[in-house]
N, C-alpha and C. Protein backbone atom coordinates (compact mmCIF):
# COMPACT_ATOMS: atom_id res chain seq x y z
N MET A 1 -0.19 -11.03 -7.67
CA MET A 1 -1.62 -11.23 -7.79
C MET A 1 -2.34 -9.94 -8.14
N GLN A 2 -3.03 -10.00 -9.28
CA GLN A 2 -3.65 -8.77 -9.69
C GLN A 2 -5.14 -8.92 -9.18
N LEU A 3 -5.65 -7.88 -8.50
CA LEU A 3 -6.99 -8.02 -7.85
C LEU A 3 -7.93 -6.87 -8.50
N SER A 4 -7.62 -6.20 -9.46
CA SER A 4 -8.47 -5.13 -9.90
C SER A 4 -8.42 -4.96 -11.47
N GLY A 5 -9.37 -5.32 -12.21
CA GLY A 5 -9.52 -4.93 -13.54
C GLY A 5 -8.34 -5.60 -14.46
N LYS A 6 -8.82 -6.17 -15.60
CA LYS A 6 -7.84 -6.82 -16.39
C LYS A 6 -6.79 -5.87 -17.02
N ASN A 7 -7.10 -4.55 -17.10
CA ASN A 7 -6.10 -3.64 -17.64
C ASN A 7 -5.36 -2.86 -16.58
N ALA A 8 -5.41 -3.27 -15.32
CA ALA A 8 -4.83 -2.48 -14.25
C ALA A 8 -3.36 -2.42 -14.38
N ARG A 9 -2.67 -3.48 -14.90
CA ARG A 9 -1.29 -3.46 -14.98
C ARG A 9 -0.85 -2.43 -16.06
N LEU A 10 -1.65 -2.03 -16.95
CA LEU A 10 -1.21 -1.13 -17.99
C LEU A 10 -1.30 0.32 -17.61
N ARG A 11 -2.09 0.66 -16.52
CA ARG A 11 -2.07 1.97 -16.06
C ARG A 11 -0.95 2.29 -15.22
N HIS A 12 -0.54 3.62 -15.15
CA HIS A 12 0.50 4.05 -14.34
C HIS A 12 -0.11 4.25 -13.04
N ALA A 13 0.41 3.72 -11.97
CA ALA A 13 -0.26 3.81 -10.67
C ALA A 13 0.68 4.11 -9.61
N ALA A 14 0.40 4.95 -8.64
CA ALA A 14 1.29 5.23 -7.55
C ALA A 14 1.43 3.92 -6.70
N THR A 15 2.40 3.85 -5.96
CA THR A 15 2.57 2.72 -5.02
C THR A 15 2.67 3.18 -3.56
N LEU A 16 2.71 2.26 -2.60
CA LEU A 16 2.85 2.66 -1.27
C LEU A 16 4.17 3.51 -1.09
N ILE A 17 5.20 3.16 -1.78
CA ILE A 17 6.40 3.86 -1.56
C ILE A 17 6.33 5.43 -1.90
N ASP A 18 5.41 5.74 -2.75
CA ASP A 18 5.16 7.13 -3.13
C ASP A 18 4.46 7.99 -2.05
N LEU A 19 3.94 7.30 -1.06
CA LEU A 19 3.28 8.11 0.03
C LEU A 19 4.32 8.69 0.91
N ARG A 20 4.20 9.91 1.38
CA ARG A 20 5.08 10.49 2.39
C ARG A 20 4.40 10.15 3.73
N ARG A 21 5.20 10.35 4.78
CA ARG A 21 4.67 10.07 6.15
C ARG A 21 3.42 11.03 6.31
N GLY A 22 2.44 10.32 6.78
CA GLY A 22 1.09 10.86 7.08
C GLY A 22 0.18 10.95 6.02
N GLU A 23 0.59 10.58 4.83
CA GLU A 23 -0.33 10.61 3.61
C GLU A 23 -1.10 9.28 3.53
N ARG A 24 -2.29 9.43 3.00
CA ARG A 24 -3.19 8.16 2.88
C ARG A 24 -3.28 7.83 1.48
N GLY A 25 -3.51 6.57 1.31
CA GLY A 25 -3.83 6.04 -0.12
C GLY A 25 -4.94 5.04 -0.11
N VAL A 26 -5.65 4.79 -1.22
CA VAL A 26 -6.59 3.77 -1.38
C VAL A 26 -6.01 2.63 -2.16
N LEU A 27 -6.01 1.54 -1.64
CA LEU A 27 -5.29 0.33 -2.28
C LEU A 27 -6.13 -0.07 -3.50
N ASP A 28 -5.36 -0.42 -4.53
CA ASP A 28 -5.96 -0.82 -5.85
C ASP A 28 -5.68 -2.28 -5.98
N TYR A 29 -4.43 -2.70 -6.24
CA TYR A 29 -4.09 -4.07 -6.51
C TYR A 29 -2.64 -4.37 -6.12
N PHE A 30 -2.31 -5.64 -6.09
CA PHE A 30 -0.96 -6.09 -5.82
C PHE A 30 -0.30 -6.64 -7.01
N ASP A 31 0.93 -6.25 -7.16
CA ASP A 31 1.80 -6.91 -8.25
C ASP A 31 2.77 -7.74 -7.61
N LEU A 32 2.29 -8.78 -6.92
CA LEU A 32 3.15 -9.60 -5.99
C LEU A 32 2.68 -11.14 -6.24
N PRO A 33 3.53 -12.04 -5.83
CA PRO A 33 3.13 -13.41 -5.85
C PRO A 33 1.91 -13.64 -5.01
N GLU A 34 1.11 -14.67 -5.34
CA GLU A 34 -0.10 -14.86 -4.76
C GLU A 34 -0.09 -15.09 -3.27
N ASP A 35 0.93 -15.93 -2.78
CA ASP A 35 1.09 -16.15 -1.43
C ASP A 35 1.40 -14.92 -0.61
N VAL A 36 2.18 -14.01 -1.14
CA VAL A 36 2.56 -12.79 -0.50
C VAL A 36 1.23 -11.83 -0.40
N ALA A 37 0.57 -11.78 -1.57
CA ALA A 37 -0.63 -10.92 -1.63
C ALA A 37 -1.74 -11.50 -0.66
N LEU A 38 -1.86 -12.76 -0.55
CA LEU A 38 -2.90 -13.27 0.48
C LEU A 38 -2.48 -13.01 1.84
N ARG A 39 -1.23 -13.03 2.15
CA ARG A 39 -0.77 -12.77 3.50
C ARG A 39 -1.02 -11.31 3.80
N LEU A 40 -0.77 -10.40 2.90
CA LEU A 40 -0.97 -9.01 3.14
C LEU A 40 -2.52 -8.72 3.29
N MET A 41 -3.34 -9.48 2.61
CA MET A 41 -4.78 -9.28 2.81
C MET A 41 -5.19 -9.75 4.18
N GLU A 42 -4.54 -10.79 4.63
CA GLU A 42 -4.92 -11.21 6.04
C GLU A 42 -4.55 -10.26 7.04
N LEU A 43 -3.51 -9.50 6.75
CA LEU A 43 -3.13 -8.37 7.60
C LEU A 43 -3.96 -7.12 7.54
N GLY A 44 -4.92 -7.03 6.62
CA GLY A 44 -5.86 -5.93 6.42
C GLY A 44 -5.54 -5.07 5.14
N PHE A 45 -4.58 -5.46 4.30
CA PHE A 45 -4.36 -4.66 3.03
C PHE A 45 -5.38 -5.27 1.92
N LEU A 46 -6.54 -4.70 1.96
CA LEU A 46 -7.54 -5.04 1.00
C LEU A 46 -7.78 -4.07 -0.04
N PRO A 47 -8.07 -4.40 -1.34
CA PRO A 47 -8.35 -3.51 -2.35
C PRO A 47 -9.60 -2.60 -2.00
N GLY A 48 -9.36 -1.38 -2.07
CA GLY A 48 -10.39 -0.36 -1.66
C GLY A 48 -10.26 0.21 -0.21
N GLY A 49 -9.33 -0.45 0.45
CA GLY A 49 -8.98 0.02 1.82
C GLY A 49 -8.10 1.15 1.82
N VAL A 50 -8.14 1.93 2.97
CA VAL A 50 -7.27 3.01 3.11
C VAL A 50 -5.99 2.67 3.94
N VAL A 51 -4.89 3.11 3.50
CA VAL A 51 -3.63 2.82 4.18
C VAL A 51 -2.89 4.12 4.37
N ARG A 52 -2.26 4.35 5.54
CA ARG A 52 -1.60 5.53 5.97
C ARG A 52 -0.07 5.23 6.03
N ALA A 53 0.73 6.08 5.45
CA ALA A 53 2.18 5.88 5.58
C ALA A 53 2.69 6.45 6.88
N GLY A 54 3.45 5.60 7.64
CA GLY A 54 3.94 6.02 8.92
C GLY A 54 5.43 6.25 8.76
N ARG A 55 6.04 5.95 9.95
CA ARG A 55 7.51 6.19 10.03
C ARG A 55 8.36 5.02 9.32
N SER A 56 9.63 5.29 9.19
CA SER A 56 10.49 4.31 8.71
C SER A 56 11.74 4.12 9.35
N ALA A 57 12.46 3.07 9.21
CA ALA A 57 13.80 2.88 9.85
C ALA A 57 14.70 4.05 9.33
N PRO A 58 15.87 4.15 10.04
CA PRO A 58 16.69 5.13 9.69
C PRO A 58 17.23 5.12 8.18
N GLY A 59 17.40 4.11 7.64
CA GLY A 59 17.82 3.95 6.25
C GLY A 59 16.59 4.00 5.23
N GLY A 60 15.40 3.98 5.78
CA GLY A 60 14.22 4.13 4.99
C GLY A 60 13.67 2.81 4.71
N ASP A 61 14.20 1.66 5.16
CA ASP A 61 13.76 0.34 4.89
C ASP A 61 13.86 -0.55 6.11
N PRO A 62 12.82 -1.06 6.79
CA PRO A 62 11.42 -1.06 6.20
C PRO A 62 10.69 0.19 6.62
N ARG A 63 9.47 0.33 6.04
CA ARG A 63 8.50 1.40 6.36
C ARG A 63 7.29 0.87 7.10
N VAL A 64 6.80 1.60 7.93
CA VAL A 64 5.50 1.34 8.62
C VAL A 64 4.34 1.81 7.98
N PHE A 65 3.31 1.04 7.75
CA PHE A 65 2.05 1.56 7.19
C PHE A 65 0.91 1.14 8.08
N GLU A 66 0.02 2.11 8.33
CA GLU A 66 -1.14 1.81 9.17
C GLU A 66 -2.32 1.39 8.29
N VAL A 67 -2.95 0.27 8.56
CA VAL A 67 -4.03 -0.30 7.93
C VAL A 67 -4.99 -0.97 8.87
N ASP A 68 -6.20 -0.74 8.64
CA ASP A 68 -7.27 -1.41 9.54
C ASP A 68 -6.95 -1.51 10.96
N GLY A 69 -6.44 -0.38 11.55
CA GLY A 69 -6.14 -0.21 12.98
C GLY A 69 -4.89 -0.82 13.50
N SER A 70 -4.00 -1.41 12.52
CA SER A 70 -2.80 -1.98 12.86
C SER A 70 -1.61 -1.28 12.14
N GLU A 71 -0.36 -1.40 12.68
CA GLU A 71 0.79 -0.98 11.92
C GLU A 71 1.52 -2.13 11.51
N VAL A 72 1.98 -2.12 10.20
CA VAL A 72 2.64 -3.17 9.62
C VAL A 72 3.87 -2.63 8.86
N ALA A 73 5.01 -3.21 9.21
CA ALA A 73 6.25 -2.95 8.59
C ALA A 73 6.51 -3.69 7.28
N LEU A 74 6.76 -2.95 6.15
CA LEU A 74 6.95 -3.66 4.88
C LEU A 74 8.32 -3.24 4.31
N ARG A 75 8.96 -4.20 3.69
CA ARG A 75 10.18 -3.87 3.04
C ARG A 75 9.88 -2.93 1.79
N ARG A 76 10.75 -2.18 1.44
CA ARG A 76 10.63 -1.21 0.22
C ARG A 76 10.18 -2.07 -1.01
N GLU A 77 10.84 -3.20 -1.16
CA GLU A 77 10.64 -3.93 -2.39
C GLU A 77 9.11 -4.42 -2.47
N THR A 78 8.55 -4.78 -1.32
CA THR A 78 7.18 -5.22 -1.32
C THR A 78 6.30 -3.97 -1.40
N ALA A 79 6.52 -2.94 -0.68
CA ALA A 79 5.73 -1.83 -0.67
C ALA A 79 5.64 -1.22 -2.11
N SER A 80 6.72 -1.24 -2.86
CA SER A 80 6.68 -0.69 -4.23
C SER A 80 5.96 -1.42 -5.22
N ARG A 81 5.36 -2.59 -4.75
CA ARG A 81 4.58 -3.45 -5.76
C ARG A 81 3.11 -3.49 -5.31
N ILE A 82 2.76 -2.57 -4.37
CA ILE A 82 1.32 -2.40 -4.00
C ILE A 82 0.88 -1.03 -4.52
N ARG A 83 -0.06 -1.28 -5.51
CA ARG A 83 -0.58 -0.04 -6.35
C ARG A 83 -1.74 0.66 -5.59
N LEU A 84 -1.77 1.87 -5.71
CA LEU A 84 -2.83 2.70 -5.14
C LEU A 84 -3.77 3.33 -6.27
N LYS A 85 -5.06 3.46 -5.87
CA LYS A 85 -5.94 4.15 -6.78
C LYS A 85 -5.76 5.68 -6.69
N SER A 86 -5.61 6.10 -5.45
CA SER A 86 -5.49 7.58 -5.22
C SER A 86 -4.65 7.72 -3.96
N ALA A 87 -4.15 8.95 -3.71
CA ALA A 87 -3.45 9.40 -2.55
C ALA A 87 -3.88 10.74 -2.12
N ARG A 88 -3.92 10.94 -0.72
CA ARG A 88 -4.25 12.33 -0.25
C ARG A 88 -3.46 12.56 0.93
N SER A 89 -3.51 13.81 1.40
CA SER A 89 -2.72 14.18 2.59
C SER A 89 -3.44 13.68 3.84
N ALA A 90 -2.67 13.78 4.92
CA ALA A 90 -3.28 13.22 6.28
C ALA A 90 -4.45 14.15 6.64
N SER A 91 -4.50 15.32 6.19
CA SER A 91 -5.67 16.26 6.59
C SER A 91 -6.91 15.93 5.82
N GLY A 92 -6.84 15.23 4.75
CA GLY A 92 -7.99 14.84 3.90
C GLY A 92 -8.89 14.01 4.58
N PRO A 93 -10.17 13.82 4.17
CA PRO A 93 -11.16 12.90 4.77
C PRO A 93 -10.91 11.59 4.59
N GLU A 94 -11.32 10.65 5.42
CA GLU A 94 -11.08 9.27 5.28
C GLU A 94 -12.12 8.70 4.41
């Protein structure tokens, strides 16, 4: 489900997987089936919202992301299809 601009798929965009632990990113759009995108929005993953990368399982999958005051574990496959507008280090402003 694409939620930002008709040409958003044509741009190269970072994904949640590109964030290192402690880094933040601003959500842009989802490249996911509509039902999955809607469920993520219910959990707080909203375009324009800030998400912070947290810890991961020993094998790196799943990874935990902090969004809207909650921690949510996502599989690598899902996180790699959530696009970011921008990313910044944990020390940057919110």
